[in-house]
């Protein structure tokens, strides 16, 4: 049995949905679809959208004086959804058409069928005006398409649309080719750390322990949680660190220790993946010692699901786990409170690394990309109408203004009484397959928050166990910088292939075995050597070559 499935690793690290990583290795063949895109080009959420009133063209700011608002444009769009499919004749489409003076023709298909639909559409020479893309679904073909000029360059339009102008440079860099052309519009995803860590504060208090600030102190706390009856029930039934398939979570207390981040360099000055760094080696040795002493989830490598270890944390059996500023399950929190009414959670702040850095790795800051067909070039009126439509869907509405009184919220939500009901300060939306909510059809309905803090996660979290914890994470977002992983703007065809997946899976599997005592730590060099021979050397070479001439952000205070 493989202990280190990359799909699980990616899920743990990046916080993506299960649907996201199911297709991780089902990438579209790069060559065939590159040709399809070439032919097509030459032949020519996190949350609902809700903000301020739009101009007559639909944008919060008119982008081009040359755009004739009286001219009606036909706009085609292809995208996918994880949920219910909006009908092609939904009433919301008519509302969009009227507001923007367009003949909007959206095609939205299930995620599982999107690869086939996109392939068929493009192969037929009928690439739509607007296309929604997920990087992991498109796989290695995406960068090839962009370099071939399949997508409309957007550099000249960014500053004309408010929500595009708000996108940070390091995120634009991820959709910019080597020639400096911006080929896609990133859709919003919070740029908070990839993972945060949570510890039972009440257990620390019961044992008179301080918050750990180093790995040595973390190990001492984990052992105390295992041996010293932290819940004071007189039983030997607790332990320290939750760990699951693939050795996740990895408890990277800073980007320096992040096994997924490209932080360290080899002897030749090339950036390398954290999995083969000396920092990771030290981590694995520490975890192996803790596992031997019973301080890590027993048999974690053979578990089919991360839910096994997770249940230990929320059933009052384990004291250290991963958390997050958003998306934590209130039902699980209530489960913990039901067995430990006095439970309190705290965040473990990032440790100071040997190089003096102190900060976790940031999320990419986007998920999914919107691209425009290159054949639109020269039709400035249509480009403006499309970008106005996109900008309108992305316009941020402050949390406390998401009410029927806000014109943009009301329109995007289908109008009160039709697309949603509003009771006790909360909106309940119609299902997408009813076709009543414009946000179900817009090319991008993910509001671009000026800052993660504007999402007010702690204010909208009502659970008494989670609310103070989320507030702590919001403060850490302000206090500590985050590392922008260079691989976000780099690219390796090998890494995005089955060969790359197999290579890193073997490393992850070996490291799990080392932690569980099934493989000696002295095998480390052999494991790294095997990785290099199995594609790792190509991955490192390709990634570093793709980063040549690019500006690397390093650490950045995201909360400022």
Protein backbone atom coordinates (compact mmCIF):
# COMPACT_ATOMS: atom_id res chain seq x y z
CA UNK A 1 0.00 0.00 0.00
CA UNK A 2 1.27 3.45 -0.86
CA UNK A 3 1.51 5.71 2.17
CA UNK A 4 2.09 8.91 0.24
CA UNK A 5 -0.58 9.53 -2.38
CA UNK A 6 0.11 12.97 -3.81
CA UNK A 7 -3.60 13.67 -4.23
CA UNK A 8 -4.02 13.50 -0.48
CA UNK A 9 -0.88 15.54 0.10
CA UNK A 10 -2.11 18.28 -2.17
CA UNK A 11 -5.48 18.33 -0.44
CA UNK A 12 -3.90 18.73 2.98
CA UNK A 13 -1.52 21.47 1.89
CA UNK A 14 -3.55 23.68 -0.34
CA UNK A 15 -6.99 23.34 1.17
CA UNK A 16 -8.60 22.46 -2.14
CA UNK A 17 -11.87 20.61 -2.45
CA UNK A 18 -11.88 16.88 -2.99
CA UNK A 19 -13.16 17.53 -6.50
CA UNK A 20 -10.04 19.58 -7.15
CA UNK A 21 -7.53 16.84 -6.60
CA UNK A 22 -9.48 13.91 -7.97
CA UNK A 23 -8.42 15.00 -11.45
CA UNK A 24 -4.83 15.85 -10.47
CA UNK A 25 -3.38 13.24 -12.82
CA UNK A 26 -6.05 13.40 -15.50
CA UNK A 27 -4.39 16.26 -17.37
CA UNK A 28 -5.36 16.92 -20.98
CA UNK A 29 -2.66 15.71 -23.39
CA UNK A 30 -0.62 18.82 -24.06
CA UNK A 31 0.18 18.18 -27.71
CA UNK A 32 -3.29 17.35 -28.97
CA UNK A 33 -5.02 20.20 -27.23
CA UNK A 34 -2.26 22.61 -28.11
CA UNK A 35 -3.04 21.91 -31.75
CA UNK A 36 -6.74 22.33 -31.06
CA UNK A 37 -6.15 25.72 -29.47
CA UNK A 38 -3.90 26.72 -32.34
CA UNK A 39 -6.63 26.00 -34.85
CA UNK A 40 -9.23 27.81 -32.79
CA UNK A 41 -7.05 30.88 -32.31
CA UNK A 42 -6.02 31.09 -35.96
CA UNK A 43 -9.64 30.71 -37.14
CA UNK A 44 -10.31 33.99 -35.80
CA UNK A 45 -16.71 30.05 -4.18
CA UNK A 46 -15.84 30.91 -1.61
CA UNK A 47 -18.82 33.11 -1.73
CA UNK A 48 -21.51 34.64 -3.88
CA UNK A 49 -20.99 37.90 -5.71
CA UNK A 50 -22.49 40.75 -3.87
CA UNK A 51 -21.04 45.32 -3.98
CA UNK A 52 -21.64 48.71 -5.10
CA UNK A 53 -23.92 49.88 -7.88
CA UNK A 54 -22.69 49.35 -11.40
CA UNK A 55 -22.59 51.77 -14.26
CA UNK A 56 -25.05 51.33 -17.17
CA UNK A 57 -22.55 49.03 -18.89
CA UNK A 58 -22.56 46.80 -15.84
CA UNK A 59 -19.06 47.63 -14.64
CA UNK A 60 -18.36 49.56 -11.47
CA UNK A 61 -16.33 51.87 -13.72
CA UNK A 62 -16.64 52.39 -17.44
CA UNK A 63 -13.43 51.10 -18.98
CA UNK A 64 -13.46 52.57 -22.43
CA UNK A 65 -15.03 55.66 -23.88
CA UNK A 66 -14.95 53.95 -27.26
CA UNK A 67 -17.31 51.21 -26.09
CA UNK A 68 -20.77 51.81 -27.56
CA UNK A 69 -23.26 50.96 -24.82
CA UNK A 70 -26.08 50.80 -27.36
CA UNK A 71 -24.47 48.01 -29.37
CA UNK A 72 -25.51 44.50 -28.43
CA UNK A 73 -22.84 41.80 -28.35
CA UNK A 74 -23.16 38.05 -28.42
CA UNK A 75 -20.90 36.52 -25.76
CA UNK A 76 -20.24 32.79 -25.38
CA UNK A 77 -18.79 31.24 -22.25
CA UNK A 78 -17.76 27.71 -21.21
CA UNK A 79 -17.08 26.78 -17.60
CA UNK A 80 -17.70 24.03 -15.05
CA UNK A 81 -19.24 23.72 -11.62
CA UNK A 82 -18.94 21.31 -8.73
CA UNK A 83 -22.60 21.66 -7.83
CA UNK A 84 -25.97 21.57 -9.55
CA UNK A 85 -26.04 22.66 -13.20
CA UNK A 86 -27.83 25.92 -14.03
CA UNK A 87 -30.24 25.47 -16.96
CA UNK A 88 -29.35 27.03 -20.31
CA UNK A 89 -32.65 28.92 -20.34
CA UNK A 90 -32.62 30.18 -16.75
CA UNK A 91 -34.42 33.42 -16.00
CA UNK A 92 -31.19 34.90 -14.65
CA UNK A 93 -29.69 34.86 -18.15
CA UNK A 94 -32.38 37.25 -19.35
CA UNK A 95 -31.60 39.55 -16.44
CA UNK A 96 -27.90 39.55 -17.34
CA UNK A 97 -28.72 40.19 -21.00
CA UNK A 98 -30.88 43.16 -20.16
CA UNK A 99 -28.43 44.70 -17.70
CA UNK A 100 -25.39 44.39 -19.96
CA UNK A 101 -27.10 44.65 -23.36
CA UNK A 102 -25.69 41.32 -24.51
CA UNK A 103 -26.84 37.99 -25.89
CA UNK A 104 -25.16 35.83 -23.28
CA UNK A 105 -24.68 32.15 -24.07
CA UNK A 106 -23.13 30.40 -21.07
CA UNK A 107 -22.45 26.66 -21.13
CA UNK A 108 -21.82 25.23 -17.68
CA UNK A 109 -21.05 21.55 -17.27
CA UNK A 110 -20.18 19.25 -14.35
CA UNK A 111 -16.56 19.19 -13.28
CA UNK A 112 -16.20 15.51 -14.10
CA UNK A 113 -17.28 16.12 -17.69
CA UNK A 114 -15.46 19.38 -18.31
CA UNK A 115 -12.29 17.96 -19.78
CA UNK A 116 -14.23 16.13 -22.49
CA UNK A 117 -16.51 19.11 -23.19
CA UNK A 118 -13.59 21.53 -23.45
CA UNK A 119 -11.69 19.16 -25.74
CA UNK A 120 -14.66 18.59 -28.03
CA UNK A 121 -15.49 22.29 -28.23
CA UNK A 122 -11.97 23.37 -29.05
CA UNK A 123 -11.39 20.48 -31.47
CA UNK A 124 -14.42 21.66 -33.39
CA UNK A 125 -12.82 25.08 -33.87
CA UNK A 126 -15.45 26.75 -31.73
CA UNK A 127 -13.54 28.08 -28.74
CA UNK A 128 -15.90 30.38 -26.82
CA UNK A 129 -15.24 34.04 -26.10
CA UNK A 130 -14.70 33.27 -22.42
CA UNK A 131 -13.31 30.09 -20.92
CA UNK A 132 -12.97 29.04 -17.30
CA UNK A 133 -9.92 26.90 -16.56
CA UNK A 134 -8.65 24.96 -13.60
CA UNK A 135 -4.89 24.55 -13.76
CA UNK A 136 -4.90 20.99 -12.46
CA UNK A 137 -7.54 19.90 -14.96
CA UNK A 138 -5.76 21.53 -17.89
CA UNK A 139 -2.44 20.18 -16.70
CA UNK A 140 0.68 20.72 -18.79
CA UNK A 141 -1.30 22.01 -21.76
CA UNK A 142 -2.23 25.31 -20.12
CA UNK A 143 1.15 27.01 -20.38
CA UNK A 144 1.57 25.69 -23.90
CA UNK A 145 -1.75 27.22 -24.92
CA UNK A 146 -0.76 30.55 -23.38
CA UNK A 147 2.65 30.57 -25.07
CA UNK A 148 1.03 29.76 -28.40
CA UNK A 149 -1.14 32.86 -28.14
CA UNK A 150 -4.49 31.12 -27.69
CA UNK A 151 -5.59 33.70 -25.11
CA UNK A 152 -6.09 37.45 -25.45
CA UNK A 153 -3.25 39.48 -23.86
CA UNK A 154 -4.75 41.58 -21.07
CA UNK A 155 -1.95 43.95 -20.08
CA UNK A 156 -3.60 47.02 -21.57
CA UNK A 157 -6.88 46.41 -19.72
CA UNK A 158 -5.85 45.67 -16.14
CA UNK A 159 -5.89 49.23 -14.81
CA UNK A 160 -9.26 50.01 -16.41
CA UNK A 161 -11.30 47.64 -14.25
CA UNK A 162 -11.27 48.08 -10.45
CA UNK A 163 -11.24 44.41 -9.43
CA UNK A 164 -8.42 43.65 -11.87
CA UNK A 165 -6.38 46.60 -10.65
CA UNK A 166 -6.62 45.19 -7.10
CA UNK A 167 -4.87 41.93 -7.95
CA UNK A 168 -1.35 41.87 -6.42
CA UNK A 169 1.65 41.68 -8.73
CA UNK A 170 2.72 38.28 -7.40
CA UNK A 171 -0.62 36.82 -8.47
CA UNK A 172 -0.55 38.39 -11.92
CA UNK A 173 2.91 36.85 -12.28
CA UNK A 174 1.32 33.40 -12.18
CA UNK A 175 -0.64 34.16 -15.37
CA UNK A 176 2.12 36.00 -17.19
CA UNK A 177 4.34 34.32 -19.79
CA UNK A 178 8.03 34.94 -20.32
CA UNK A 179 7.29 37.66 -22.86
CA UNK A 180 5.47 39.60 -20.17
CA UNK A 181 1.98 39.01 -21.56
CA UNK A 182 -0.81 38.54 -19.03
CA UNK A 183 -2.98 35.80 -20.49
CA UNK A 184 -5.57 35.11 -17.80
CA UNK A 185 -7.60 36.58 -14.97
CA UNK A 186 -7.11 34.81 -11.63
CA UNK A 187 -10.25 34.17 -9.61
CA UNK A 188 -10.22 35.05 -5.94
CA UNK A 189 -8.99 32.71 -3.25
CA UNK A 190 -7.67 33.99 0.10
CA UNK A 191 -3.88 34.42 0.30
CA UNK A 192 -3.71 33.43 3.96
CA UNK A 193 -1.26 30.64 4.94
CA UNK A 194 -1.65 27.25 3.31
CA UNK A 195 -2.10 25.77 6.76
CA UNK A 196 -2.27 26.95 10.33
CA UNK A 197 -1.82 24.92 13.47
CA UNK A 198 -4.13 24.45 16.41
CA UNK A 199 -3.33 23.25 19.92
CA UNK A 200 -5.46 22.47 22.93
CA UNK A 201 -4.83 25.51 25.09
CA UNK A 202 -6.71 23.96 28.02
CA UNK A 203 -4.34 20.99 27.92
CA UNK A 204 -1.35 23.31 28.00
CA UNK A 205 -2.90 25.10 30.98
CA UNK A 206 -3.70 21.84 32.79
CA UNK A 207 -0.06 20.77 32.53
CA UNK A 208 1.43 24.22 33.18
CA UNK A 209 3.09 24.31 29.77
CA UNK A 210 3.89 27.28 27.57
CA UNK A 211 3.13 27.62 23.88
CA UNK A 212 5.92 25.87 21.92
CA UNK A 213 8.20 28.17 19.93
CA UNK A 214 10.66 25.57 18.55
CA UNK A 215 10.44 22.00 17.29
CA UNK A 216 12.18 20.82 20.42
CA UNK A 217 9.49 22.44 22.55
CA UNK A 218 6.79 21.08 20.24
CA UNK A 219 8.16 17.58 20.80
CA UNK A 220 8.16 18.09 24.57
CA UNK A 221 4.54 19.23 24.48
CA UNK A 222 3.53 16.31 22.25
CA UNK A 223 5.09 13.86 24.69
CA UNK A 224 3.45 15.57 27.66
CA UNK A 225 0.08 15.32 25.91
CA UNK A 226 0.82 11.61 25.47
CA UNK A 227 2.08 10.72 28.93
CA UNK A 228 0.85 13.26 31.48
CA UNK A 229 -2.96 13.00 31.33
CA UNK A 230 -3.65 16.47 29.86
CA UNK A 231 -7.43 16.05 30.04
CA UNK A 232 -7.16 14.97 33.68
CA UNK A 233 -9.49 12.00 33.36
CA UNK A 234 -7.08 9.58 35.02
CA UNK A 235 -6.69 7.51 31.86
CA UNK A 236 -3.85 6.93 29.43
CA UNK A 237 -5.95 7.78 26.37
CA UNK A 238 -4.43 10.86 24.74
CA UNK A 239 -1.53 11.69 22.46
CA UNK A 240 0.15 14.68 20.82
CA UNK A 241 0.22 15.11 17.03
CA UNK A 242 -2.46 14.04 14.58
CA UNK A 243 -1.00 12.66 11.37
CA UNK A 244 -2.73 11.07 8.39
CA UNK A 245 -2.09 9.60 4.94
CA UNK A 246 1.04 10.88 3.24
CA UNK A 247 2.39 12.13 6.56
CA UNK A 248 -0.02 15.04 6.50
CA UNK A 249 -0.31 17.50 8.01
CA UNK A 250 3.42 18.08 7.98
CA UNK A 251 3.49 20.67 10.79
CA UNK A 252 5.64 23.09 8.84
CA UNK A 253 6.00 25.85 11.42
CA UNK A 254 7.38 28.16 8.79
CA UNK A 255 8.10 28.21 5.07
CA UNK A 256 11.62 27.06 5.94
CA UNK A 257 10.19 23.66 6.89
CA UNK A 258 7.42 23.46 4.29
CA UNK A 259 7.90 20.26 2.35
CA UNK A 260 5.81 21.55 -0.56
CA UNK A 261 7.46 24.96 -0.88
CA UNK A 262 10.44 25.73 -3.09
CA UNK A 263 12.41 27.53 -0.39
CA UNK A 264 15.83 25.90 -0.14
CA UNK A 265 18.59 25.71 -2.72
CA UNK A 266 21.05 22.99 -3.68
CA UNK A 267 24.82 23.38 -3.91
CA UNK A 268 24.48 24.88 -7.39
CA UNK A 269 22.07 27.56 -6.24
CA UNK A 270 18.97 25.93 -7.72
CA UNK A 271 15.71 26.06 -5.82
CA UNK A 272 14.54 22.61 -4.74
CA UNK A 273 11.27 21.20 -3.40
CA UNK A 274 11.08 21.05 0.38
CA UNK A 275 10.57 17.29 0.30
CA UNK A 276 14.28 16.73 -0.32
CA UNK A 277 15.68 19.53 1.84
CA UNK A 278 17.79 19.08 4.96
CA UNK A 279 15.06 20.86 6.92
CA UNK A 280 12.61 18.15 5.95
CA UNK A 281 15.12 15.48 6.88
CA UNK A 282 15.36 16.94 10.38
CA UNK A 283 11.57 16.99 10.63
CA UNK A 284 11.26 13.35 9.62
CA UNK A 285 13.85 12.34 12.22
CA UNK A 286 11.95 14.24 14.93
CA UNK A 287 8.62 12.70 13.94
CA UNK A 288 10.16 9.23 13.86
CA UNK A 289 11.23 9.65 17.47
CA UNK A 290 7.80 10.95 18.50
CA UNK A 291 6.04 8.12 16.68
CA UNK A 292 8.22 5.56 18.44
CA UNK A 293 7.11 7.05 21.75
CA UNK A 294 3.41 6.99 20.82
CA UNK A 295 3.01 10.74 20.38
CA UNK A 296 1.76 10.55 16.75
CA UNK A 297 -1.36 8.85 15.37
CA UNK A 298 -0.71 5.12 15.43
CA UNK A 299 -0.57 3.45 12.02
CA UNK A 300 -1.31 6.74 10.23
CA UNK A 301 0.43 5.70 7.02
CA UNK A 302 -2.02 2.85 6.42
CA UNK A 303 -5.12 4.96 7.04
CA UNK A 304 -7.28 5.36 3.98
CA UNK A 305 -8.54 8.76 5.06
CA UNK A 306 -7.37 11.78 7.03
CA UNK A 307 -10.66 11.55 8.94
CA UNK A 308 -9.23 8.89 11.25
CA UNK A 309 -6.74 11.26 12.86
CA UNK A 310 -9.13 14.18 12.61
CA UNK A 311 -11.70 12.30 14.68
CA UNK A 312 -9.08 11.79 17.38
CA UNK A 313 -8.65 15.55 17.72
CA UNK A 314 -12.35 16.29 17.85
CA UNK A 315 -13.02 13.35 20.19
CA UNK A 316 -10.61 14.69 22.81
CA UNK A 317 -7.89 12.11 22.09
CA UNK A 318 -5.20 14.25 20.40
CA UNK A 319 -3.98 17.74 21.23
CA UNK A 320 -2.30 19.20 18.12
CA UNK A 321 -3.75 19.43 14.63
CA UNK A 322 -4.21 21.75 11.68
CA UNK A 323 -6.74 24.57 11.48
CA UNK A 324 -7.56 27.48 9.26
CA UNK A 325 -8.93 30.98 9.06
CA UNK A 326 -11.90 29.71 7.06
CA UNK A 327 -13.81 26.52 6.43
CA UNK A 328 -13.45 24.82 9.82
CA UNK A 329 -16.34 22.46 10.53
CA UNK A 330 -18.59 23.77 13.31
CA UNK A 331 -20.17 20.33 13.68
CA UNK A 332 -16.78 18.86 14.53
CA UNK A 333 -16.15 21.70 16.97
CA UNK A 334 -19.46 20.96 18.64
CA UNK A 335 -18.46 17.30 18.87
CA UNK A 336 -15.37 18.29 20.84
CA UNK A 337 -17.38 20.56 23.11
CA UNK A 338 -19.83 17.76 23.79
CA UNK A 339 -17.07 15.59 25.30
CA UNK A 340 -14.84 18.42 26.60
CA UNK A 341 -17.04 21.43 27.47
CA UNK A 342 -14.06 23.41 28.75
CA UNK A 343 -11.94 22.87 25.62
CA UNK A 344 -10.04 25.89 24.33
CA UNK A 345 -8.06 26.19 21.13
CA UNK A 346 -5.06 28.36 20.35
CA UNK A 347 -2.97 28.92 17.26
CA UNK A 348 0.70 27.93 17.30
CA UNK A 349 2.50 30.97 15.82
CA UNK A 350 5.25 30.32 13.25
CA UNK A 351 8.68 29.46 14.64
CA UNK A 352 11.83 31.48 13.98
CA UNK A 353 13.82 29.49 11.43
CA UNK A 354 17.61 29.00 11.46
CA UNK A 355 17.91 31.63 8.71
CA UNK A 356 16.00 34.16 10.81
CA UNK A 357 12.76 34.00 8.82
CA UNK A 358 9.44 33.69 10.60
CA UNK A 359 6.36 33.13 8.50
CA UNK A 360 4.24 30.44 6.88
CA UNK A 361 3.76 29.78 3.18
CA UNK A 362 0.96 31.77 1.57
CA UNK A 363 -1.82 30.30 -0.50
CA UNK A 364 -1.62 31.07 -4.20
CA UNK A 365 -4.18 33.82 -3.74
CA UNK A 366 -6.32 32.54 -6.58
CA UNK A 367 -8.09 29.39 -7.73
CA UNK A 368 -9.20 28.91 -11.34
CA UNK A 369 -8.50 31.28 -14.21
CA UNK A 370 -10.70 33.10 -16.71
CA UNK A 371 -9.28 33.52 -20.20
CA UNK A 372 -10.53 35.38 -23.27
CA UNK A 373 -10.23 34.04 -26.79
CA UNK A 374 -7.37 35.63 -28.73
CA UNK A 375 -9.63 36.15 -31.74
CA UNK A 376 -11.33 38.99 -29.81
CA UNK A 377 -8.29 41.17 -30.49
CA UNK A 378 -9.30 44.42 -32.12
CA UNK A 379 -12.94 44.29 -31.07
CA UNK A 380 -12.54 46.76 -28.23
CA UNK A 381 -16.26 47.20 -27.66
CA UNK A 382 -16.83 43.49 -27.11
CA UNK A 383 -13.71 43.14 -24.97
CA UNK A 384 -14.96 45.98 -22.78
CA UNK A 385 -18.37 44.40 -22.44
CA UNK A 386 -16.86 41.06 -21.42
CA UNK A 387 -14.43 42.59 -18.95
CA UNK A 388 -17.23 44.76 -17.53
CA UNK A 389 -19.28 41.61 -16.99
CA UNK A 390 -16.34 39.92 -15.28
CA UNK A 391 -15.50 42.98 -13.18
CA UNK A 392 -19.11 43.29 -12.03
CA UNK A 393 -19.18 39.69 -10.84
CA UNK A 394 -15.93 40.16 -8.88
CA UNK A 395 -16.89 43.44 -7.19
CA UNK A 396 -16.58 43.07 -3.44
CA UNK A 397 -19.55 43.78 -1.20
CA UNK A 398 -18.66 44.32 2.47
CA UNK A 399 -20.06 41.57 4.67
CA UNK A 400 -22.44 43.88 6.52
CA UNK A 401 -23.81 45.28 3.25
CA UNK A 402 -24.95 41.97 1.79
CA UNK A 403 -28.60 42.84 2.11
CA UNK A 404 -31.52 43.51 -0.26
CA UNK A 405 -30.73 47.22 0.04
CA UNK A 406 -27.48 46.75 -1.82
CA UNK A 407 -28.29 46.93 -5.52
CA UNK A 408 -25.40 44.76 -6.67
CA UNK A 409 -25.95 42.11 -4.04
CA UNK A 410 -29.64 42.03 -4.84
CA UNK A 411 -29.13 41.76 -8.60
CA UNK A 412 -26.39 39.16 -8.52
CA UNK A 413 -28.44 37.11 -6.11
CA UNK A 414 -31.54 37.15 -8.29
CA UNK A 415 -33.52 39.79 -6.36
CA UNK A 416 -35.15 39.24 -3.01
CA UNK A 417 -38.18 36.99 -3.13
CA UNK A 418 -37.07 35.33 -6.36
CA UNK A 419 -33.43 34.32 -6.23
CA UNK A 420 -33.17 34.44 -2.46
CA UNK A 421 -34.98 35.13 0.78
CA UNK A 422 -33.57 37.30 3.52
CA UNK A 423 -34.45 36.55 7.14
CA UNK A 424 -32.76 37.49 10.40
CA UNK A 425 -29.89 39.15 8.57
CA UNK A 426 -29.03 36.13 6.41
CA UNK A 427 -29.76 35.27 2.79
CA UNK A 428 -30.92 31.84 1.64
CA UNK A 429 -30.30 31.37 -2.07
CA UNK A 430 -32.22 29.38 -4.64
CA UNK A 431 -30.48 26.29 -5.95
CA UNK A 432 -28.38 26.83 -9.11
CA UNK A 433 -30.49 24.38 -11.14
CA UNK A 434 -33.45 26.71 -10.71
CA UNK A 435 -31.71 29.26 -12.92
CA UNK A 436 -32.73 32.22 -10.76
CA UNK A 437 -29.39 33.58 -9.54
CA UNK A 438 -27.18 35.58 -11.93
CA UNK A 439 -24.08 34.71 -9.90
CA UNK A 440 -24.55 31.11 -11.06
CA UNK A 441 -23.97 32.23 -14.65
CA UNK A 442 -21.44 35.06 -14.43
CA UNK A 443 -17.96 34.22 -15.79
CA UNK A 444 -16.49 34.99 -12.37
CA UNK A 445 -18.66 35.41 -9.30
CA UNK A 446 -15.89 35.25 -6.71
CA UNK A 447 -15.73 38.65 -5.03
CA UNK A 448 -12.18 39.99 -4.93
CA UNK A 449 -11.70 41.00 -1.31
CA UNK A 450 -9.22 43.88 -0.87
CA UNK A 451 -7.79 41.93 2.08
CA UNK A 452 -8.46 38.59 3.73
CA UNK A 453 -9.47 40.63 6.77
CA UNK A 454 -12.34 42.16 4.79
CA UNK A 455 -13.96 38.74 4.72
CA UNK A 456 -14.43 39.10 8.49
CA UNK A 457 -14.18 35.39 9.12
CA UNK A 458 -14.10 35.72 12.90
CA UNK A 459 -17.20 37.93 12.90
CA UNK A 460 -19.14 35.45 10.79
CA UNK A 461 -18.00 32.45 12.84
CA UNK A 462 -20.46 31.80 15.64
CA UNK A 463 -19.08 28.64 17.21
CA UNK A 464 -17.69 29.51 20.69
CA UNK A 465 -14.71 27.15 20.25
CA UNK A 466 -13.69 28.38 16.80
CA UNK A 467 -14.46 32.11 16.99
CA UNK A 468 -11.51 33.14 19.22
CA UNK A 469 -9.19 30.81 17.32
CA UNK A 470 -10.09 32.39 13.97
CA UNK A 471 -9.61 35.84 15.51
CA UNK A 472 -6.09 34.76 16.52
CA UNK A 473 -5.34 33.73 12.93
CA UNK A 474 -6.56 37.07 11.64
CA UNK A 475 -4.13 38.79 13.99
CA UNK A 476 -1.29 36.52 12.85
CA UNK A 477 -2.16 37.44 9.26
CA UNK A 478 -1.34 41.02 10.25
CA UNK A 479 1.67 40.24 12.45
CA UNK A 480 3.66 37.80 10.32
CA UNK A 481 4.79 37.86 6.69
CA UNK A 482 4.05 34.97 4.37
CA UNK A 483 6.31 33.28 1.86
CA UNK A 484 5.22 33.41 -1.77
CA UNK A 485 6.30 30.05 -3.17
CA UNK A 486 8.27 30.62 -6.42
CA UNK A 487 6.65 27.51 -7.91
CA UNK A 488 3.41 29.49 -8.12
CA UNK A 489 4.86 31.43 -11.02
CA UNK A 490 7.24 28.75 -12.28
CA UNK A 491 6.43 25.70 -14.32
CA UNK A 492 7.77 22.20 -14.85
CA UNK A 493 6.17 19.95 -17.49
CA UNK A 494 7.66 16.90 -15.78
CA UNK A 495 6.27 17.91 -12.41
CA UNK A 496 2.80 18.21 -13.95
CA UNK A 497 3.01 14.78 -15.54
CA UNK A 498 2.40 11.29 -14.18
CA UNK A 499 6.18 10.88 -14.02
CA UNK A 500 6.45 13.81 -11.64
CA UNK A 501 3.57 12.55 -9.54
CA UNK A 502 5.11 9.11 -9.23
CA UNK A 503 8.50 10.57 -8.31
CA UNK A 504 7.20 12.68 -5.42
CA UNK A 505 4.85 9.92 -4.29
CA UNK A 506 7.83 7.65 -3.83
CA UNK A 507 9.57 10.27 -1.69
CA UNK A 508 6.46 10.85 0.42
CA UNK A 509 5.90 7.13 0.84
CA UNK A 510 9.50 6.60 1.94
CA UNK A 511 9.30 9.44 4.46
CA UNK A 512 6.14 7.99 5.98
CA UNK A 513 7.91 4.67 6.34
CA UNK A 514 10.84 6.41 8.03
CA UNK A 515 8.52 8.08 10.52
CA UNK A 516 6.78 4.77 11.25
CA UNK A 517 10.07 2.94 11.68
CA UNK A 518 9.63 0.78 8.59
CA UNK A 519 12.60 2.32 6.77
CA UNK A 520 15.85 3.48 8.41
CA UNK A 521 16.64 7.19 8.40
CA UNK A 522 20.00 6.28 6.92
CA UNK A 523 18.11 5.62 3.66
CA UNK A 524 17.50 9.35 3.17
CA UNK A 525 20.26 9.93 0.62
CA UNK A 526 19.15 6.88 -1.38
CA UNK A 527 15.56 8.16 -1.44
CA UNK A 528 16.66 11.57 -2.67
CA UNK A 529 18.94 10.00 -5.27
CA UNK A 530 16.09 7.84 -6.54
CA UNK A 531 13.87 10.92 -6.79
CA UNK A 532 16.47 12.72 -8.88
CA UNK A 533 16.81 9.74 -11.21
CA UNK A 534 13.04 9.29 -11.47
CA UNK A 535 12.39 12.77 -12.81
CA UNK A 536 13.39 15.03 -9.93
CA UNK A 537 16.47 16.37 -11.70
CA UNK A 538 14.31 17.34 -14.69
CA UNK A 539 11.72 18.96 -12.42
CA UNK A 540 14.34 21.08 -10.66
CA UNK A 541 15.99 22.05 -13.94
CA UNK A 542 12.68 22.98 -15.61
CA UNK A 543 11.37 24.90 -12.62
CA UNK A 544 14.52 26.97 -12.22
CA UNK A 545 14.74 27.68 -15.94
CA UNK A 546 11.13 28.88 -15.92
CA UNK A 547 11.97 31.28 -13.10
CA UNK A 548 14.93 32.89 -14.84
CA UNK A 549 14.32 36.59 -15.26
CA UNK A 550 11.25 36.49 -13.05
CA UNK A 551 10.88 38.58 -9.90
CA UNK A 552 10.56 36.40 -6.80
CA UNK A 553 8.53 37.98 -4.01
CA UNK A 554 9.93 36.04 -1.05
CA UNK A 555 8.24 37.04 2.22
CA UNK A 556 5.46 39.62 2.13
CA UNK A 557 3.18 41.13 4.77
CA UNK A 558 -0.16 40.18 3.24
CA UNK A 559 -2.14 41.90 5.96
CA UNK A 560 -0.82 45.35 5.11
